[in-house]
Amino acid sequence: MLLLATGGPFGISPSTDQLIVVNLAAILVATTFNAPQKVIKWGGVVIAVVTTTCAIWCGH
């Protein structure tokens, strides 16, 4: 049980900064996904995916 608590899934132990980035990305998607302009809709999704991926895997 200790190994799962310290390592997390796939060997990732999320920090507070990573959780904040994921939450902000979710807010970005929630606010932009219903936009009538496709560039705003999909731009928000792309930015959220890229920042979440970088925050989790790059360790920034």
Protein backbone atom coordinates (compact mmCIF):
# COMPACT_ATOMS: atom_id res chain seq x y z
CA MET A 1 0.00 0.00 0.00
CA LEU A 2 2.85 2.35 0.75
CA LEU A 3 4.28 1.82 -2.74
CA LEU A 4 0.99 2.84 -4.35
CA ALA A 5 0.69 5.92 -2.12
CA THR A 6 4.21 7.16 -2.85
CA GLY A 7 4.55 6.19 -6.49
CA GLY A 8 1.07 6.67 -7.84
CA PRO A 9 -0.11 5.23 -11.14
CA PHE A 10 2.59 4.91 -13.80
CA GLY A 11 5.20 6.03 -11.25
CA ILE A 12 3.75 9.55 -11.01
CA SER A 13 3.25 11.23 -7.65
CA PRO A 14 1.38 14.45 -8.38
CA SER A 15 2.49 17.58 -6.58
CA THR A 16 0.29 20.48 -5.62
CA ASP A 17 1.50 22.49 -8.61
CA GLN A 18 0.55 19.68 -10.99
CA LEU A 19 -2.91 19.39 -9.47
CA ILE A 20 -3.41 23.15 -9.82
CA VAL A 21 -2.45 22.97 -13.50
CA VAL A 22 -4.89 20.11 -14.10
CA ASN A 23 -7.69 21.99 -12.36
CA LEU A 24 -7.01 25.18 -14.32
CA ALA A 25 -6.97 23.18 -17.55
CA ALA A 26 -10.36 21.71 -16.67
CA ILE A 27 -11.72 25.20 -16.04
CA LEU A 28 -10.32 26.37 -19.39
CA VAL A 29 -12.01 23.52 -21.25
CA ALA A 30 -15.28 24.08 -19.39
CA THR A 31 -15.40 27.76 -20.27
CA THR A 32 -14.27 27.55 -23.89
CA PHE A 33 -15.84 24.32 -25.15
CA ASN A 34 -19.28 25.82 -25.79
CA ALA A 35 -17.90 28.82 -27.68
CA PRO A 36 -19.47 29.40 -31.10
CA GLN A 37 -16.07 30.04 -32.72
CA LYS A 38 -14.19 26.83 -33.49
CA VAL A 39 -10.79 28.44 -32.95
CA ILE A 40 -11.68 29.34 -29.35
CA LYS A 41 -13.33 25.97 -28.71
CA TRP A 42 -10.50 23.77 -29.97
CA GLY A 43 -7.77 26.21 -28.97
CA GLY A 44 -8.83 25.89 -25.34
CA VAL A 45 -8.81 22.11 -25.60
CA VAL A 46 -5.36 22.02 -27.23
CA ILE A 47 -3.86 24.42 -24.69
CA ALA A 48 -5.35 22.45 -21.80
CA VAL A 49 -4.00 19.14 -23.11
CA VAL A 50 -0.52 20.51 -23.76
CA THR A 51 -0.18 22.24 -20.40
CA THR A 52 -1.53 19.23 -18.49
CA THR A 53 0.80 16.86 -20.31
CA CYS A 54 3.79 19.09 -19.70
CA ALA A 55 2.94 19.60 -16.03
CA ILE A 56 2.62 15.87 -15.39
CA TRP A 57 5.33 14.34 -17.57
CA CYS A 58 7.96 17.10 -17.83
CA GLY A 59 8.07 17.76 -14.09
CA HIS A 60 7.85 21.55 -14.27
